[in-house]
Amino acid sequence: MRALLGILLVTICCNVFAIVVNAGTQNLYLGNNNVSCGRYIINNSSRQNDVESFCSVIGSAYAEGKLWLRVQTQNLGAVDCSFVSGHLYQCFIDN
């Protein structure tokens, strides 16, 4: 949980981005609430490669064995999703 409350710094193309998952976030249940990022629907069976290929990824970080992607969605704005071994683990949205 401590990792979720910290700031994850990322270097992408010589720019530094921060993904902040703080106490004001909520876990996004994707079971019946699939999230559209345009050409792709993020759901519980989503794979990292598909999200990176079909969604607009606006930030990424690696921490404690998880890859975090900040994805721009059509209906929820930016969503932070973590992946373990290429499979979606969980997503968070800001309240």
Protein backbone atom coordinates (compact mmCIF):
# COMPACT_ATOMS: atom_id res chain seq x y z
CA MET A 1 0.00 0.00 0.00
CA ARG A 2 2.91 2.33 0.73
CA ALA A 3 3.92 2.18 -2.92
CA LEU A 4 0.46 3.33 -3.97
CA LEU A 5 0.78 6.43 -1.81
CA GLY A 6 4.13 7.52 -3.20
CA ILE A 7 5.19 9.38 -6.28
CA LEU A 8 6.50 7.29 -9.14
CA LEU A 9 8.94 9.19 -11.31
CA VAL A 10 9.27 8.30 -14.93
CA THR A 11 11.64 9.39 -17.65
CA ILE A 12 10.12 9.31 -21.12
CA CYS A 13 11.91 10.94 -24.05
CA CYS A 14 14.05 13.12 -21.78
CA ASN A 15 11.03 14.45 -19.84
CA VAL A 16 10.20 13.54 -16.27
CA PHE A 17 6.62 12.63 -15.46
CA ALA A 18 5.13 11.78 -12.09
CA ILE A 19 2.33 9.33 -11.50
CA VAL A 20 0.75 10.13 -8.17
CA VAL A 21 -1.60 7.64 -6.57
CA ASN A 22 -2.70 9.18 -3.30
CA ALA A 23 -5.22 8.64 -0.53
CA GLY A 24 -7.88 10.46 -2.58
CA THR A 25 -8.03 7.72 -5.19
CA GLN A 26 -10.39 4.82 -5.44
CA ASN A 27 -9.91 1.37 -6.86
CA LEU A 28 -11.65 1.14 -10.22
CA TYR A 29 -13.65 -2.08 -10.37
CA LEU A 30 -13.53 -3.20 -13.97
CA GLY A 31 -15.78 -6.26 -13.67
CA ASN A 32 -18.91 -4.67 -15.11
CA ASN A 33 -17.49 -1.19 -15.68
CA ASN A 34 -15.31 -1.49 -18.74
CA VAL A 35 -13.45 1.70 -19.65
CA SER A 36 -13.05 2.94 -23.21
CA CYS A 37 -9.84 4.59 -24.33
CA GLY A 38 -11.07 5.04 -27.88
CA ARG A 39 -10.11 2.06 -30.02
CA TYR A 40 -9.89 -0.35 -27.07
CA ILE A 41 -11.94 -1.30 -24.01
CA ILE A 42 -9.92 -1.81 -20.81
CA ASN A 43 -11.30 -4.71 -18.78
CA ASN A 44 -10.13 -7.33 -16.27
CA SER A 45 -8.54 -9.45 -19.01
CA SER A 46 -6.61 -6.58 -20.66
CA ARG A 47 -2.97 -7.12 -21.52
CA GLN A 48 -0.25 -4.50 -21.26
CA ASN A 49 0.68 -4.76 -24.96
CA ASP A 50 -2.91 -4.13 -26.06
CA VAL A 51 -3.29 -1.09 -23.80
CA GLU A 52 0.03 0.35 -25.03
CA SER A 53 -0.90 -0.31 -28.67
CA PHE A 54 -4.48 0.96 -28.72
CA CYS A 55 -4.74 3.53 -25.90
CA SER A 56 -3.14 6.91 -25.33
CA VAL A 57 -0.56 6.23 -22.59
CA ILE A 58 0.43 9.57 -21.03
CA GLY A 59 2.87 8.24 -18.43
CA SER A 60 4.47 5.08 -17.14
CA ALA A 61 6.54 3.88 -14.20
CA TYR A 62 7.89 0.63 -12.77
CA ALA A 63 7.76 -0.02 -9.03
CA GLU A 64 7.80 -3.11 -6.81
CA GLY A 65 7.34 -5.56 -9.67
CA LYS A 66 4.45 -3.68 -11.29
CA LEU A 67 4.34 -1.56 -14.41
CA TRP A 68 2.08 1.47 -13.96
CA LEU A 69 0.50 3.09 -17.01
CA ARG A 70 -1.45 6.35 -16.91
CA VAL A 71 -4.04 5.97 -19.66
CA GLN A 72 -6.26 8.69 -21.11
CA THR A 73 -9.83 7.37 -21.26
CA GLN A 74 -12.90 8.76 -23.00
CA ASN A 75 -15.25 8.68 -20.03
CA LEU A 76 -13.06 8.92 -16.89
CA GLY A 77 -10.11 11.10 -17.86
CA ALA A 78 -6.71 9.75 -16.83
CA VAL A 79 -6.71 6.31 -15.17
CA ASP A 80 -3.69 4.71 -13.47
CA CYS A 81 -3.45 0.97 -14.14
CA SER A 82 -0.88 -1.51 -12.90
CA PHE A 83 0.24 -4.62 -14.76
CA VAL A 84 2.00 -7.72 -13.46
CA SER A 85 3.66 -10.04 -15.99
CA GLY A 86 1.83 -8.23 -18.79
CA HIS A 87 -1.66 -8.70 -17.30
CA LEU A 88 -3.87 -6.02 -15.78
CA TYR A 89 -3.71 -6.09 -11.98
CA GLN A 90 -5.78 -3.06 -10.96
CA CYS A 91 -6.74 0.47 -11.96
CA PHE A 92 -7.33 3.63 -9.98
CA ILE A 93 -9.18 6.86 -10.70
CA ASP A 94 -9.00 10.17 -8.83
CA ASN A 95 -12.08 11.07 -6.83
